N, C-alpha and C. Protein backbone atom coordinates (compact mmCIF):
# COMPACT_ATOMS: atom_id res chain seq x y z
N UNK A 1 64.61 -129.89 -14.02
CA UNK A 1 65.21 -128.43 -14.11
C UNK A 1 64.56 -127.41 -15.26
N UNK A 2 63.76 -128.48 -16.38
CA UNK A 2 64.00 -127.45 -17.87
C UNK A 2 62.40 -127.61 -17.39
N UNK A 3 61.71 -127.86 -16.79
CA UNK A 3 59.84 -128.08 -16.78
C UNK A 3 59.52 -126.67 -15.46
N UNK A 4 60.91 -126.92 -14.66
CA UNK A 4 60.49 -125.48 -13.11
C UNK A 4 61.24 -124.44 -14.26
N UNK A 5 61.75 -124.46 -15.39
CA UNK A 5 61.80 -122.86 -16.59
C UNK A 5 60.92 -122.35 -17.03
N UNK A 6 60.37 -123.93 -17.28
CA UNK A 6 58.84 -122.91 -18.26
C UNK A 6 58.47 -122.93 -17.46
N UNK A 7 57.87 -123.52 -16.48
CA UNK A 7 56.84 -123.37 -14.91
C UNK A 7 56.59 -121.94 -14.72
N UNK A 8 58.37 -121.42 -14.14
CA UNK A 8 58.54 -120.07 -13.82
C UNK A 8 57.98 -119.24 -14.73
N UNK A 9 58.85 -119.08 -15.74
CA UNK A 9 58.71 -118.66 -17.43
C UNK A 9 57.29 -117.54 -17.52
N UNK A 10 56.15 -119.46 -17.67
CA UNK A 10 54.66 -119.30 -17.87
C UNK A 10 53.92 -118.42 -17.17
N UNK A 11 54.43 -118.24 -15.32
CA UNK A 11 54.01 -117.45 -14.67
C UNK A 11 54.25 -116.60 -14.39
N UNK A 12 55.68 -116.38 -14.78
CA UNK A 12 55.85 -114.79 -15.38
C UNK A 12 55.25 -114.30 -15.66
N UNK A 13 54.84 -115.05 -17.21
CA UNK A 13 53.96 -114.24 -18.60
C UNK A 13 52.61 -114.05 -18.26
N UNK A 14 52.24 -115.16 -17.21
CA UNK A 14 50.27 -114.66 -17.10
C UNK A 14 50.77 -112.74 -16.21
N UNK A 15 51.60 -113.36 -15.07
CA UNK A 15 51.47 -112.80 -13.90
C UNK A 15 51.89 -110.50 -14.86
N UNK A 16 52.70 -110.78 -16.14
CA UNK A 16 53.04 -109.59 -16.56
C UNK A 16 51.63 -108.68 -17.76
N UNK A 17 51.46 -110.25 -18.45
CA UNK A 17 50.66 -109.83 -19.17
C UNK A 17 49.15 -109.06 -18.28
N UNK A 18 48.81 -109.88 -16.72
CA UNK A 18 47.60 -110.00 -16.33
C UNK A 18 47.37 -108.28 -16.08
N UNK A 19 49.07 -107.42 -15.45
CA UNK A 19 49.42 -106.27 -15.18
C UNK A 19 49.00 -105.38 -16.21
N UNK A 20 49.29 -106.05 -17.78
CA UNK A 20 49.49 -105.22 -18.74
C UNK A 20 48.60 -104.74 -19.52
N UNK A 21 47.62 -105.51 -19.04
CA UNK A 21 46.18 -105.60 -19.63
C UNK A 21 45.22 -105.06 -19.33
N UNK A 22 44.95 -104.48 -18.37
CA UNK A 22 43.81 -103.69 -17.28
C UNK A 22 44.45 -102.76 -16.43
N UNK A 23 43.76 -101.69 -16.41
CA UNK A 23 43.89 -100.27 -15.82
C UNK A 23 44.40 -100.20 -14.31
N UNK A 24 44.68 -99.10 -14.10
CA UNK A 24 45.88 -99.26 -13.14
C UNK A 24 44.34 -98.36 -12.03
N UNK A 25 44.10 -97.96 -10.94
CA UNK A 25 42.99 -96.87 -10.57
C UNK A 25 42.79 -95.54 -11.12
N UNK A 26 44.09 -95.18 -10.97
CA UNK A 26 43.91 -94.15 -11.77
C UNK A 26 43.63 -94.42 -13.28
N UNK A 27 43.89 -95.16 -14.14
CA UNK A 27 43.59 -94.82 -15.44
C UNK A 27 41.87 -95.25 -15.83
N UNK A 28 41.06 -94.68 -15.95
CA UNK A 28 39.97 -95.44 -16.74
C UNK A 28 39.64 -95.77 -17.66
N UNK A 29 38.87 -97.66 -17.95
CA UNK A 29 39.22 -98.01 -19.44
C UNK A 29 37.68 -97.39 -20.19
N UNK A 30 38.59 -97.58 -21.53
CA UNK A 30 37.39 -96.61 -22.45
C UNK A 30 37.72 -97.39 -23.62
N UNK A 31 36.63 -97.27 -24.40
CA UNK A 31 36.18 -98.58 -26.12
C UNK A 31 37.25 -97.40 -26.87
N UNK A 32 37.56 -98.23 -27.55
CA UNK A 32 37.95 -97.19 -28.67
C UNK A 32 37.17 -96.97 -29.38
N UNK A 33 36.97 -96.24 -30.19
CA UNK A 33 36.23 -95.47 -30.94
C UNK A 33 36.91 -94.74 -32.04
N UNK A 34 37.64 -94.69 -32.11
CA UNK A 34 38.68 -94.09 -33.87
C UNK A 34 38.43 -94.65 -34.38
N UNK A 35 38.04 -94.22 -36.00
CA UNK A 35 37.63 -94.75 -37.28
C UNK A 35 39.01 -95.46 -38.11
N UNK A 36 40.16 -94.80 -37.28
CA UNK A 36 41.17 -94.97 -38.34
C UNK A 36 42.16 -96.54 -37.58
N UNK A 37 42.08 -96.81 -36.42
CA UNK A 37 42.77 -98.26 -35.64
C UNK A 37 41.46 -99.28 -36.71
N UNK A 38 42.24 -100.61 -36.83
CA UNK A 38 41.96 -100.92 -37.93
C UNK A 38 41.92 -102.54 -37.10
N UNK A 39 41.69 -103.77 -37.18
CA UNK A 39 41.86 -105.52 -36.54
C UNK A 39 42.51 -104.70 -35.19
N UNK A 40 41.10 -104.14 -34.84
CA UNK A 40 41.51 -104.43 -32.90
C UNK A 40 41.57 -105.22 -32.56
N UNK A 41 41.80 -106.43 -31.67
CA UNK A 41 40.81 -107.71 -30.87
C UNK A 41 40.33 -106.39 -29.93
N UNK A 42 38.86 -107.34 -29.46
CA UNK A 42 37.77 -107.03 -28.82
C UNK A 42 37.64 -106.92 -27.37
N UNK A 43 38.53 -105.21 -27.47
CA UNK A 43 38.66 -105.18 -26.23
C UNK A 43 39.04 -103.57 -25.69
N UNK A 44 38.81 -103.44 -24.31
CA UNK A 44 39.17 -101.67 -24.49
C UNK A 44 40.61 -101.43 -23.94
N UNK A 45 40.98 -100.37 -24.43
CA UNK A 45 42.48 -99.62 -23.99
C UNK A 45 41.65 -98.46 -22.73
N UNK A 46 42.92 -98.65 -22.41
CA UNK A 46 43.46 -96.96 -20.88
C UNK A 46 43.12 -96.04 -21.95
N UNK A 47 43.34 -95.05 -21.35
CA UNK A 47 43.94 -93.59 -21.06
C UNK A 47 45.17 -93.38 -22.63
N UNK A 48 46.65 -93.85 -21.30
CA UNK A 48 47.29 -93.69 -21.91
C UNK A 48 47.85 -94.71 -22.70
N UNK A 49 47.42 -95.68 -23.30
CA UNK A 49 47.10 -96.65 -24.71
C UNK A 49 46.88 -95.32 -25.85
N UNK A 50 45.25 -95.00 -25.68
CA UNK A 50 44.53 -94.27 -27.12
C UNK A 50 46.04 -92.94 -26.78
N UNK A 51 45.84 -92.24 -25.73
CA UNK A 51 47.77 -91.16 -25.64
C UNK A 51 48.17 -91.43 -26.66
N UNK A 52 48.98 -93.00 -26.71
CA UNK A 52 50.00 -93.21 -27.59
C UNK A 52 49.81 -93.13 -28.78
N UNK A 53 47.83 -93.94 -29.77
CA UNK A 53 47.43 -93.86 -30.59
C UNK A 53 47.84 -92.38 -31.18
N UNK A 54 46.82 -91.57 -30.45
CA UNK A 54 46.59 -90.52 -30.63
C UNK A 54 48.13 -89.55 -31.13
N UNK A 55 49.51 -89.69 -30.19
CA UNK A 55 51.07 -89.28 -30.86
C UNK A 55 51.08 -89.87 -32.01
N UNK A 56 50.83 -90.87 -32.24
CA UNK A 56 51.04 -91.97 -33.66
C UNK A 56 50.40 -90.95 -34.68
N UNK A 57 48.90 -90.85 -34.48
CA UNK A 57 48.70 -90.01 -35.95
C UNK A 57 49.21 -88.84 -35.81
N UNK A 58 49.86 -88.06 -35.05
CA UNK A 58 50.68 -86.78 -35.58
C UNK A 58 52.09 -86.99 -36.07
N UNK A 59 51.83 -85.50 -37.43
CA UNK A 59 53.64 -85.65 -38.38
C UNK A 59 53.94 -85.18 -37.90
N UNK A 60 55.38 -85.67 -38.45
CA UNK A 60 56.80 -84.03 -38.25
C UNK A 60 57.56 -84.15 -39.51
N UNK A 61 57.56 -83.13 -40.45
CA UNK A 61 58.73 -83.74 -41.56
C UNK A 61 59.47 -82.85 -41.42
N UNK A 62 60.65 -83.78 -41.64
CA UNK A 62 61.75 -82.38 -41.67
C UNK A 62 62.51 -82.72 -43.14
N UNK A 63 63.16 -81.33 -43.35
CA UNK A 63 63.76 -81.74 -44.62
C UNK A 63 64.40 -80.69 -44.46
N UNK A 64 65.96 -81.59 -44.75
CA UNK A 64 67.17 -80.79 -44.92
C UNK A 64 68.26 -81.14 -46.43
N UNK A 65 69.12 -79.86 -46.27
CA UNK A 65 69.95 -80.46 -48.18
C UNK A 65 71.27 -80.44 -46.92
N UNK A 66 71.72 -82.00 -47.90
CA UNK A 66 72.83 -82.21 -46.84
C UNK A 66 74.29 -81.99 -48.06
N UNK A 67 74.26 -81.15 -48.90
CA UNK A 67 74.83 -81.03 -49.60
C UNK A 67 76.01 -80.48 -50.13
N UNK A 68 76.01 -79.95 -48.46
CA UNK A 68 76.76 -78.99 -47.97
C UNK A 68 78.44 -79.68 -47.92
N UNK A 69 78.05 -80.86 -47.26
CA UNK A 69 79.13 -81.57 -47.16
C UNK A 69 79.36 -82.68 -48.70
N UNK A 70 78.28 -82.60 -49.76
CA UNK A 70 78.29 -84.50 -50.77
C UNK A 70 78.44 -83.54 -51.57
N UNK A 71 78.58 -82.00 -51.32
CA UNK A 71 78.90 -81.48 -53.52
C UNK A 71 79.71 -81.86 -53.86
N UNK A 72 79.07 -82.14 -55.06
CA UNK A 72 79.98 -82.41 -56.46
C UNK A 72 80.14 -81.44 -57.16
N UNK A 73 81.27 -80.75 -57.86
CA UNK A 73 81.04 -79.48 -59.18
C UNK A 73 81.88 -80.32 -60.06
N UNK A 74 81.30 -80.27 -61.12
CA UNK A 74 81.89 -81.03 -62.74
C UNK A 74 81.48 -79.49 -63.96
N UNK A 75 82.31 -79.54 -64.73
CA UNK A 75 82.60 -78.45 -65.67
C UNK A 75 81.10 -77.73 -65.63
N UNK A 76 79.96 -78.55 -65.95
CA UNK A 76 78.78 -78.04 -66.29
C UNK A 76 77.45 -77.62 -65.44
N UNK A 77 78.17 -78.71 -64.52
CA UNK A 77 76.82 -78.82 -63.20
C UNK A 77 77.27 -78.69 -62.18
N UNK A 78 76.61 -79.27 -60.86
CA UNK A 78 76.38 -79.56 -59.66
C UNK A 78 75.63 -80.08 -59.04
N UNK A 79 75.74 -81.59 -58.26
CA UNK A 79 74.99 -82.42 -58.03
C UNK A 79 74.34 -82.14 -56.56
N UNK A 80 73.35 -82.02 -56.26
CA UNK A 80 73.37 -81.62 -55.07
C UNK A 80 72.31 -83.03 -54.30
N UNK A 81 71.92 -83.69 -52.94
CA UNK A 81 71.98 -83.63 -52.32
C UNK A 81 70.87 -83.70 -51.53
N UNK A 82 69.85 -84.21 -51.52
CA UNK A 82 68.84 -83.82 -50.17
C UNK A 82 67.85 -84.98 -49.50
N UNK A 83 67.89 -84.71 -48.24
CA UNK A 83 67.20 -85.59 -47.89
C UNK A 83 65.66 -85.00 -46.83
N UNK A 84 64.78 -85.81 -46.76
CA UNK A 84 63.10 -85.56 -45.92
C UNK A 84 63.18 -86.54 -44.69
N UNK A 85 62.20 -86.34 -43.80
CA UNK A 85 62.06 -87.88 -42.88
C UNK A 85 60.50 -86.89 -41.99
N UNK A 86 59.51 -88.27 -42.01
CA UNK A 86 59.01 -87.83 -41.35
C UNK A 86 58.84 -89.17 -40.06
N UNK A 87 58.36 -88.43 -39.50
CA UNK A 87 58.77 -88.07 -38.00
C UNK A 87 57.29 -88.91 -37.11
N UNK A 88 56.40 -90.44 -36.42
CA UNK A 88 55.46 -90.09 -36.24
C UNK A 88 55.99 -90.54 -34.74
N UNK A 89 54.75 -90.32 -33.65
CA UNK A 89 55.00 -90.69 -32.09
C UNK A 89 55.77 -90.07 -31.17
N UNK A 90 55.75 -91.16 -30.35
CA UNK A 90 56.20 -89.99 -29.04
C UNK A 90 58.12 -91.37 -28.86
N UNK A 91 57.81 -90.79 -27.93
CA UNK A 91 59.46 -91.63 -27.35
C UNK A 91 59.07 -93.35 -26.66
N UNK A 92 56.85 -93.84 -26.47
CA UNK A 92 57.34 -94.73 -26.16
C UNK A 92 57.17 -95.54 -27.45
N UNK A 93 56.81 -95.40 -28.87
CA UNK A 93 56.09 -95.69 -29.45
C UNK A 93 56.38 -94.84 -31.30
N UNK A 94 57.67 -95.18 -32.10
CA UNK A 94 58.47 -94.27 -32.94
C UNK A 94 57.78 -94.83 -33.97
N UNK A 95 58.38 -94.17 -35.16
CA UNK A 95 58.74 -94.21 -36.84
C UNK A 95 59.61 -93.05 -37.07
N UNK A 96 60.31 -93.25 -38.20
CA UNK A 96 60.65 -92.42 -38.99
C UNK A 96 61.18 -93.17 -40.51
N UNK A 97 60.49 -92.51 -41.23
CA UNK A 97 60.92 -92.72 -42.56
C UNK A 97 61.54 -92.41 -42.99
N UNK A 98 62.52 -91.81 -44.21
CA UNK A 98 63.68 -90.92 -44.57
C UNK A 98 64.22 -91.28 -45.94
N UNK A 99 63.89 -90.36 -46.58
CA UNK A 99 64.54 -90.56 -48.66
C UNK A 99 65.62 -89.69 -48.49
N UNK A 100 66.57 -90.17 -49.39
CA UNK A 100 67.65 -89.09 -49.28
C UNK A 100 67.91 -88.82 -50.85
N UNK A 101 68.33 -88.33 -51.88
CA UNK A 101 67.84 -88.09 -52.72
C UNK A 101 69.30 -86.69 -53.37
N UNK A 102 69.56 -87.45 -55.01
CA UNK A 102 70.69 -85.95 -55.43
C UNK A 102 69.69 -85.56 -56.97
N UNK A 103 70.12 -84.61 -57.22
CA UNK A 103 69.88 -83.88 -58.13
C UNK A 103 70.87 -82.82 -58.59
N UNK A 104 70.26 -83.17 -60.25
CA UNK A 104 71.28 -81.82 -60.80
C UNK A 104 70.37 -80.44 -60.80
N UNK A 105 69.38 -80.47 -60.50
CA UNK A 105 68.50 -79.32 -60.33
C UNK A 105 67.72 -79.70 -61.49
N UNK A 106 67.64 -79.85 -61.85
CA UNK A 106 66.35 -79.55 -63.30
C UNK A 106 66.24 -81.52 -63.08
N UNK A 107 66.65 -83.02 -62.72
CA UNK A 107 65.98 -84.35 -62.63
C UNK A 107 66.83 -85.03 -62.21
N UNK A 108 65.96 -85.76 -61.22
CA UNK A 108 66.00 -86.52 -59.85
C UNK A 108 67.51 -88.10 -60.91
N UNK A 109 68.69 -88.18 -59.98
CA UNK A 109 69.74 -88.76 -60.43
C UNK A 109 69.36 -89.97 -59.80
N UNK A 110 69.08 -89.90 -58.65
CA UNK A 110 69.24 -91.48 -57.41
C UNK A 110 68.04 -90.92 -56.03
N UNK A 111 67.56 -92.17 -55.94
CA UNK A 111 67.50 -91.35 -54.31
C UNK A 111 67.26 -93.06 -54.18
N UNK A 112 66.94 -92.81 -52.61
CA UNK A 112 66.35 -94.10 -51.81
C UNK A 112 66.64 -93.80 -51.10
N UNK A 113 65.98 -94.99 -49.43
CA UNK A 113 65.14 -95.08 -48.25
C UNK A 113 65.32 -95.97 -48.07
N UNK A 114 64.58 -95.15 -46.16
CA UNK A 114 65.14 -96.19 -45.01
C UNK A 114 64.58 -95.99 -44.14
N UNK A 115 63.62 -97.16 -42.91
CA UNK A 115 63.03 -96.38 -42.06
C UNK A 115 63.83 -96.39 -40.80
N UNK A 116 63.36 -95.78 -39.81
CA UNK A 116 64.01 -96.34 -38.88
C UNK A 116 62.51 -96.54 -36.99
N UNK A 117 62.72 -97.40 -36.58
CA UNK A 117 61.88 -97.38 -35.33
C UNK A 117 62.30 -97.94 -33.70
N UNK A 118 60.86 -97.36 -33.18
CA UNK A 118 61.62 -97.78 -31.38
C UNK A 118 60.60 -98.03 -30.56
N UNK A 119 60.71 -98.39 -29.70
CA UNK A 119 59.56 -98.83 -28.66
C UNK A 119 59.28 -98.98 -26.90
N UNK A 120 59.30 -98.54 -26.47
CA UNK A 120 59.35 -99.10 -24.52
C UNK A 120 58.09 -100.53 -24.50
N UNK A 121 58.45 -101.62 -23.89
CA UNK A 121 58.30 -102.26 -23.81
C UNK A 121 56.92 -102.09 -23.48
N UNK A 122 55.46 -102.69 -23.19
CA UNK A 122 54.95 -103.33 -24.18
C UNK A 122 54.42 -102.97 -25.45
N UNK A 123 54.71 -101.49 -25.86
CA UNK A 123 54.54 -101.30 -26.59
C UNK A 123 54.93 -101.58 -28.15
N UNK A 124 54.86 -101.74 -29.40
CA UNK A 124 55.08 -102.58 -30.67
C UNK A 124 55.08 -101.97 -31.97
N UNK A 125 56.29 -101.63 -32.41
CA UNK A 125 55.86 -100.38 -33.81
C UNK A 125 57.51 -101.40 -34.32
N UNK A 126 56.44 -101.82 -35.98
CA UNK A 126 57.24 -102.57 -37.22
C UNK A 126 57.71 -101.90 -38.19
N UNK A 127 58.90 -102.00 -39.03
CA UNK A 127 58.99 -101.49 -40.00
C UNK A 127 58.21 -102.77 -41.12
N UNK A 128 57.65 -102.02 -41.64
CA UNK A 128 56.65 -103.07 -42.73
C UNK A 128 57.17 -102.55 -44.24
N UNK A 129 58.63 -101.71 -44.15
CA UNK A 129 59.17 -101.38 -45.75
C UNK A 129 58.61 -100.07 -46.10
N UNK A 130 59.99 -99.31 -46.91
CA UNK A 130 59.75 -97.85 -48.14
C UNK A 130 60.17 -98.65 -48.95
N UNK A 131 59.13 -97.92 -50.34
CA UNK A 131 59.28 -98.39 -51.15
C UNK A 131 58.86 -97.47 -52.80
N UNK A 132 59.29 -97.33 -54.01
CA UNK A 132 59.53 -96.91 -54.93
C UNK A 132 59.02 -97.31 -55.95
N UNK A 133 57.24 -96.03 -55.54
CA UNK A 133 56.39 -96.78 -56.44
C UNK A 133 55.95 -96.64 -58.10
N UNK A 134 56.70 -94.73 -58.53
CA UNK A 134 57.12 -94.73 -59.01
C UNK A 134 57.84 -93.84 -59.50
N UNK A 135 58.62 -93.55 -60.50
CA UNK A 135 59.87 -92.83 -60.88
C UNK A 135 60.32 -91.79 -61.96
N UNK A 136 60.41 -91.23 -61.78
CA UNK A 136 60.57 -90.52 -63.78
C UNK A 136 61.97 -89.25 -63.17
N UNK A 137 61.92 -88.74 -64.28
CA UNK A 137 62.78 -87.90 -63.65
C UNK A 137 63.07 -86.39 -63.27
N UNK A 138 62.01 -86.66 -63.33
CA UNK A 138 61.28 -85.16 -62.22
C UNK A 138 60.33 -85.49 -61.11
N UNK A 139 59.98 -86.89 -60.64
CA UNK A 139 59.48 -86.62 -59.60
C UNK A 139 59.11 -88.30 -59.43
N UNK A 140 59.92 -88.56 -57.38
CA UNK A 140 59.75 -89.86 -57.46
C UNK A 140 58.80 -89.91 -56.36
N UNK A 141 57.58 -91.53 -56.49
CA UNK A 141 56.73 -91.35 -55.27
C UNK A 141 57.03 -92.84 -54.31
N UNK A 142 57.67 -92.92 -53.09
CA UNK A 142 57.82 -93.50 -51.77
C UNK A 142 55.93 -93.87 -51.37
N UNK A 143 56.08 -95.05 -51.06
CA UNK A 143 55.44 -95.26 -49.74
C UNK A 143 55.62 -96.41 -48.94
N UNK A 144 55.33 -96.33 -47.61
CA UNK A 144 56.07 -96.37 -46.46
C UNK A 144 54.96 -97.51 -45.24
N UNK A 145 55.51 -97.94 -45.11
CA UNK A 145 53.89 -98.29 -44.07
C UNK A 145 54.87 -99.34 -42.77
N UNK A 146 53.92 -98.77 -41.77
CA UNK A 146 54.35 -99.63 -40.93
C UNK A 146 53.47 -100.11 -39.55
N UNK A 147 53.96 -100.62 -39.01
CA UNK A 147 52.64 -100.75 -37.81
C UNK A 147 52.71 -100.60 -36.07
N UNK A 148 52.01 -100.05 -35.57
CA UNK A 148 51.66 -99.68 -34.25
C UNK A 148 50.86 -100.31 -33.39
N UNK A 149 51.34 -101.26 -32.11
CA UNK A 149 50.63 -101.54 -31.23
C UNK A 149 51.03 -101.61 -30.33
N UNK A 150 50.39 -102.70 -28.97
CA UNK A 150 50.94 -103.39 -27.73
C UNK A 150 50.64 -104.68 -28.32
N UNK A 151 51.73 -105.15 -27.10
CA UNK A 151 51.60 -106.82 -26.74
C UNK A 151 52.21 -107.53 -26.06
N UNK A 152 52.51 -108.62 -25.77
CA UNK A 152 52.52 -109.80 -24.45
C UNK A 152 53.97 -110.73 -25.67
N UNK A 153 55.32 -110.83 -24.73
CA UNK A 153 55.64 -111.95 -24.97
C UNK A 153 55.21 -113.39 -24.16
N UNK A 154 55.33 -114.27 -25.05
CA UNK A 154 54.75 -115.36 -24.37
C UNK A 154 56.06 -116.46 -24.72
N UNK A 155 55.95 -117.89 -23.87
CA UNK A 155 56.46 -119.21 -24.38
C UNK A 155 56.64 -119.55 -26.17
N UNK A 156 55.02 -119.27 -26.31
CA UNK A 156 55.46 -119.15 -27.45
C UNK A 156 54.90 -118.54 -28.70
N UNK A 157 55.44 -117.18 -28.49
CA UNK A 157 55.77 -116.70 -29.41
C UNK A 157 54.88 -114.86 -29.23
N UNK A 158 54.58 -113.45 -29.76
CA UNK A 158 53.57 -112.40 -29.21
C UNK A 158 52.86 -112.34 -29.26
N UNK A 159 51.75 -112.15 -28.97
CA UNK A 159 50.47 -111.71 -28.90
C UNK A 159 49.81 -110.17 -28.45
N UNK A 160 49.66 -110.17 -29.68
CA UNK A 160 48.92 -108.69 -29.87
C UNK A 160 47.60 -108.49 -29.09
N UNK A 161 47.83 -107.20 -28.44
CA UNK A 161 46.67 -106.95 -27.92
C UNK A 161 45.60 -106.22 -28.60
N UNK A 162 46.45 -105.15 -29.08
CA UNK A 162 46.64 -103.97 -30.55
C UNK A 162 46.97 -104.10 -31.11
N UNK A 163 46.93 -103.42 -32.53
CA UNK A 163 47.78 -102.86 -33.61
C UNK A 163 46.70 -102.12 -35.25
N UNK A 164 47.41 -101.02 -35.22
CA UNK A 164 47.35 -100.30 -35.54
C UNK A 164 48.05 -99.81 -37.47
N UNK A 165 47.57 -100.69 -38.70
CA UNK A 165 48.51 -100.12 -39.75
C UNK A 165 48.82 -98.89 -40.18
N UNK A 166 49.85 -98.19 -40.76
CA UNK A 166 49.48 -96.45 -41.09
C UNK A 166 50.33 -96.86 -42.51
N UNK A 167 50.61 -95.80 -43.45
CA UNK A 167 51.04 -95.86 -44.36
C UNK A 167 50.52 -94.65 -44.77
N UNK A 168 51.61 -94.46 -44.97
CA UNK A 168 52.07 -92.47 -45.75
C UNK A 168 53.07 -92.56 -46.97
N UNK A 169 52.78 -91.66 -47.64
CA UNK A 169 53.54 -91.31 -49.11
C UNK A 169 53.49 -89.79 -49.12
N UNK A 170 54.84 -90.42 -49.99
CA UNK A 170 55.79 -88.69 -50.41
C UNK A 170 56.14 -88.79 -51.50
N UNK A 171 56.51 -87.80 -52.11
CA UNK A 171 56.88 -87.33 -53.61
C UNK A 171 57.63 -86.65 -53.49
N UNK A 172 59.05 -87.20 -53.93
CA UNK A 172 60.23 -85.84 -54.34
C UNK A 172 60.37 -85.39 -56.10
N UNK A 173 61.13 -84.44 -55.73
CA UNK A 173 61.09 -83.26 -56.98
C UNK A 173 62.68 -82.51 -56.82
N UNK A 174 63.38 -82.74 -58.36
CA UNK A 174 64.48 -82.50 -58.23
C UNK A 174 65.29 -81.16 -57.36
N UNK A 175 64.60 -80.16 -57.32
CA UNK A 175 64.49 -78.50 -56.75
C UNK A 175 64.70 -79.27 -55.13
N UNK A 176 64.35 -80.44 -54.78
CA UNK A 176 64.59 -80.60 -52.90
C UNK A 176 63.11 -80.50 -52.44
N UNK A 177 62.17 -79.76 -52.51
CA UNK A 177 61.16 -80.29 -52.52
C UNK A 177 60.39 -81.46 -51.85
N UNK A 178 59.46 -81.92 -51.48
CA UNK A 178 59.46 -82.78 -50.94
C UNK A 178 57.87 -83.39 -49.90
N UNK A 179 57.07 -83.84 -50.94
CA UNK A 179 55.63 -83.24 -49.86
C UNK A 179 55.02 -84.87 -49.52
N UNK A 180 55.23 -84.74 -48.12
CA UNK A 180 54.22 -86.13 -47.58
C UNK A 180 52.24 -85.95 -47.23
N UNK A 181 51.99 -86.87 -47.91
CA UNK A 181 50.83 -86.99 -46.94
C UNK A 181 50.36 -88.43 -47.06
């Protein structure tokens, strides 16, 4: 019984991976010539896979002042809370880097960050971490890394067809301003 299940799983994986790896009659196979894409195996990508990569190159920044709910008033000062987010991709493969910080207007009191990702198979998006790389009272700098790609699942683990590492940087300031680059 166990041998039958392993054989069935292997056959389904091979059938599915061949259907993912080849283009349909509507798609033309194109060679990848984007210089930003690194560590790609020597295969050709379909036009739909190239569209997903191009949508991941576009950035959308969202800034908000969340202090309307969390404002803390004291005798001499008030503390405001701010949030900025960088969104990349489309509904097929997306990532969002978030940074939230607290400021009294002249200095940053505290900041923290997190990542969110999502994808529809066979696309893959993996959050590789967001790290504070520099901190003073007037500026905090963050580095956010993620990987986008496509792959298939086998009984022996994931197999990447292609992948692309993306790194974004952000500076945050006490006045609530954030700069992504």
